[in-house]
Amino acid sequence: MVQNKIIEDSNFLNSDEKQFINEVVLGENFPFFWNENAVDYDSMPFLCHTVVKRKEERLKEEPFFNTLPEFGNMFLSILNSFCKKNNIKYKEIFRIAVNLTINVGMKKSKTHIDHAFKHNQLIVYLDNFKDTPTIILDKKNKKILKKIYPKKFNAIYFNDTPHYMFLPKNKRRTVIVYTFI
């Protein structure tokens, strides 16, 4: 795995994937569930739809998808579209989740790495925001490697690197998060 490899791409989704995002994921009937903490008991609540549970929390006897299989397959299609276009191969998916954040009185999330083991990460933005960038840092948390502002259907790919995001001042911020190797 190449360290600090960052790819930004806003033109990888096909029309079916965009329609799925617009009509299902951003629709009125897509279920989100309350979580008290985003990272390490940080008291930053958010809403989440878990598509694939974290590898470290998933039991062997559990089904791979923690959502309807047809939803799971569309989320896989989105990941595969990005990876195919950007010549990325993966062996294992560690997590897929749709995270929805709102103003909870905090400015930003805690700086974090999603897993304690090597992984790659893909964040797909589902809405536009000018004040909620994702900040990707170097391994020592000292230098900003990339600051990306959410733009609908844009994605950012990076390795297991420290990062954080700013919370929206109003409305909702919705992303799909993939971790894999």
Protein backbone atom coordinates (compact mmCIF):
# COMPACT_ATOMS: atom_id res chain seq x y z
CA MET A 1 0.00 0.00 0.00
CA VAL A 2 1.40 3.36 -1.04
CA GLN A 3 1.42 5.80 1.87
CA ASN A 4 -0.29 9.20 1.55
CA LYS A 5 -1.83 8.35 -1.81
CA ILE A 6 -4.83 10.65 -2.24
CA ILE A 7 -7.22 10.48 -5.19
CA GLU A 8 -10.11 12.86 -5.72
CA ASP A 9 -12.71 11.97 -8.34
CA SER A 10 -16.06 13.57 -9.18
CA ASN A 11 -16.92 11.61 -12.31
CA PHE A 12 -17.15 7.89 -11.53
CA LEU A 13 -20.81 7.20 -10.70
CA ASN A 14 -23.16 5.84 -13.34
CA SER A 15 -26.76 7.01 -13.70
CA ASP A 16 -28.21 4.07 -11.70
CA GLU A 17 -25.86 4.81 -8.79
CA LYS A 18 -26.74 8.51 -8.82
CA GLN A 19 -30.44 7.66 -8.94
CA PHE A 20 -30.00 5.26 -5.99
CA ILE A 21 -28.27 7.98 -3.97
CA ASN A 22 -30.85 10.65 -4.84
CA GLU A 23 -34.01 8.59 -4.50
CA VAL A 24 -33.12 6.00 -1.86
CA VAL A 25 -30.20 7.15 0.32
CA LEU A 26 -31.28 10.79 0.38
CA GLY A 27 -34.96 9.87 0.29
CA GLU A 28 -37.44 10.20 3.13
CA ASN A 29 -37.60 6.47 3.96
CA PHE A 30 -33.91 5.54 4.23
CA PRO A 31 -33.29 4.55 7.87
CA PHE A 32 -30.58 6.18 9.95
CA PHE A 33 -29.78 5.21 13.53
CA TRP A 34 -28.60 7.39 16.41
CA ASN A 35 -25.00 6.95 17.64
CA GLU A 36 -23.81 8.75 20.77
CA ASN A 37 -20.16 8.88 19.67
CA ALA A 38 -18.46 9.24 16.32
CA VAL A 39 -14.91 8.45 17.44
CA ASP A 40 -13.54 7.00 20.69
CA TYR A 41 -16.28 8.23 23.06
CA ASP A 42 -16.04 11.81 21.78
CA SER A 43 -19.66 12.70 22.71
CA MET A 44 -20.29 13.80 19.12
CA PRO A 45 -23.61 12.21 18.19
CA PHE A 46 -24.49 11.44 14.59
CA LEU A 47 -26.83 9.28 12.53
CA CYS A 48 -25.62 6.22 10.65
CA HIS A 49 -26.90 3.55 8.30
CA THR A 50 -24.51 0.61 8.59
CA VAL A 51 -24.29 -1.26 5.31
CA VAL A 52 -21.41 -3.54 6.38
CA LYS A 53 -20.46 -3.68 10.06
CA ARG A 54 -16.88 -2.95 11.04
CA LYS A 55 -14.68 -6.03 10.66
CA GLU A 56 -13.74 -5.83 14.35
CA GLU A 57 -17.44 -5.88 15.36
CA ARG A 58 -18.80 -8.36 12.80
CA LEU A 59 -19.52 -11.92 13.89
CA LYS A 60 -18.62 -14.72 11.46
CA GLU A 61 -22.18 -16.04 11.44
CA GLU A 62 -23.69 -12.63 10.62
CA PRO A 63 -24.67 -11.83 7.04
CA PHE A 64 -22.20 -9.59 5.21
CA PHE A 65 -24.76 -6.87 4.61
CA ASN A 66 -26.38 -5.21 7.60
CA THR A 67 -28.98 -3.71 5.26
CA LEU A 68 -31.27 -4.95 2.51
CA PRO A 69 -29.23 -7.02 0.00
CA GLU A 70 -30.35 -4.84 -2.92
CA PHE A 71 -29.07 -1.77 -1.05
CA GLY A 72 -25.83 -3.57 -0.20
CA ASN A 73 -25.28 -4.47 -3.83
CA MET A 74 -25.75 -0.83 -4.92
CA PHE A 75 -23.21 0.33 -2.33
CA LEU A 76 -20.78 -2.29 -3.69
CA SER A 77 -21.47 -1.03 -7.20
CA ILE A 78 -20.48 2.51 -6.12
CA LEU A 79 -17.21 1.25 -4.59
CA ASN A 80 -16.48 -0.88 -7.66
CA SER A 81 -17.13 2.05 -10.02
CA PHE A 82 -14.61 4.22 -8.17
CA CYS A 83 -12.02 1.44 -7.94
CA LYS A 84 -12.36 0.42 -11.59
CA LYS A 85 -12.02 3.98 -12.87
CA ASN A 86 -9.01 4.66 -10.63
CA ASN A 87 -7.31 1.28 -11.11
CA ILE A 88 -7.61 0.28 -7.44
CA LYS A 89 -7.89 -3.37 -6.47
CA TYR A 90 -9.20 -4.50 -3.11
CA LYS A 91 -9.30 -7.86 -1.33
CA GLU A 92 -11.52 -7.22 1.66
CA ILE A 93 -14.11 -4.68 2.75
CA PHE A 94 -13.87 -3.70 6.41
CA ARG A 95 -16.81 -1.31 6.64
CA ILE A 96 -19.45 0.53 4.63
CA ALA A 97 -21.61 3.15 6.32
CA VAL A 98 -23.68 6.18 5.42
CA ASN A 99 -22.98 8.88 8.00
CA LEU A 100 -25.27 11.84 8.49
CA THR A 101 -24.06 14.69 10.68
CA ILE A 102 -25.91 17.78 11.83
CA ASN A 103 -25.08 20.74 14.02
CA VAL A 104 -24.65 19.31 17.52
CA GLY A 105 -22.83 22.32 18.96
CA MET A 106 -19.35 21.14 18.03
CA LYS A 107 -17.09 22.66 15.40
CA LYS A 108 -15.26 19.54 14.23
CA SER A 109 -14.78 15.85 14.82
CA LYS A 110 -11.86 14.37 16.68
CA THR A 111 -8.79 13.60 14.57
CA HIS A 112 -8.84 9.87 13.97
CA ILE A 113 -7.90 6.86 11.86
CA ASP A 114 -10.86 4.57 11.19
CA HIS A 115 -9.20 1.26 12.14
CA ALA A 116 -6.17 0.20 14.17
CA PHE A 117 -4.90 -1.83 11.20
CA LYS A 118 -3.87 -0.97 7.63
CA HIS A 119 -6.71 0.07 5.38
CA ASN A 120 -7.73 2.37 2.56
CA GLN A 121 -10.64 4.75 2.82
CA LEU A 122 -13.12 6.17 0.38
CA ILE A 123 -15.51 8.98 1.28
CA VAL A 124 -18.28 9.75 -1.19
CA TYR A 125 -20.00 13.10 -0.61
CA LEU A 126 -23.76 13.17 -1.08
CA ASP A 127 -24.35 16.91 -0.70
CA ASN A 128 -22.63 20.27 -1.17
CA PHE A 129 -21.11 22.29 1.67
CA LYS A 130 -18.74 25.22 1.73
CA ASP A 131 -18.03 25.12 5.48
CA THR A 132 -17.52 21.41 6.28
CA PRO A 133 -14.22 20.28 4.78
CA THR A 134 -12.56 16.96 5.44
CA ILE A 135 -8.95 17.50 6.50
CA ILE A 136 -6.42 14.75 5.78
CA LEU A 137 -3.21 14.99 7.80
CA ASP A 138 0.21 13.39 7.58
CA LYS A 139 1.00 10.44 9.86
CA LYS A 140 2.33 12.78 12.57
CA ASN A 141 -0.82 15.00 12.58
CA LYS A 142 1.31 18.05 11.80
CA LYS A 143 0.83 18.80 8.11
CA ILE A 144 -2.40 19.11 6.13
CA LEU A 145 -2.11 16.87 3.08
CA LYS A 146 -5.53 17.68 1.65
CA LYS A 147 -8.54 19.83 2.48
CA ILE A 148 -11.61 18.78 0.54
CA TYR A 149 -14.97 20.53 0.59
CA PRO A 150 -18.03 18.31 0.11
CA LYS A 151 -19.42 18.41 -3.40
CA LYS A 152 -22.24 16.07 -4.36
CA PHE A 153 -20.97 12.86 -6.02
CA ASN A 154 -17.33 13.78 -5.41
CA ALA A 155 -15.12 11.24 -3.64
CA ILE A 156 -11.80 11.22 -1.84
CA TYR A 157 -9.64 8.13 -1.45
CA PHE A 158 -6.72 7.91 0.97
CA ASN A 159 -4.75 5.44 3.05
CA ASP A 160 -5.02 4.89 6.81
CA THR A 161 -4.17 8.48 7.56
CA PRO A 162 -5.35 10.78 10.37
CA HIS A 163 -8.28 12.96 9.36
CA TYR A 164 -11.18 14.96 10.73
CA MET A 165 -14.17 16.87 9.43
CA PHE A 166 -16.03 20.02 10.25
CA LEU A 167 -19.68 19.72 11.19
CA PRO A 168 -22.32 21.67 9.29
CA LYS A 169 -23.69 24.86 10.80
CA ASN A 170 -27.10 24.05 9.33
CA LYS A 171 -28.73 21.32 7.26
CA ARG A 172 -27.25 17.83 7.10
CA ARG A 173 -23.92 16.52 5.83
CA THR A 174 -24.19 13.03 4.35
CA VAL A 175 -21.33 10.79 3.20
CA ILE A 176 -20.75 7.15 2.35
CA VAL A 177 -17.64 5.80 4.09
CA TYR A 178 -15.83 2.72 2.83
CA THR A 179 -12.81 1.08 4.42
CA PHE A 180 -11.05 -1.79 2.71
CA ILE A 181 -7.70 -3.31 1.77
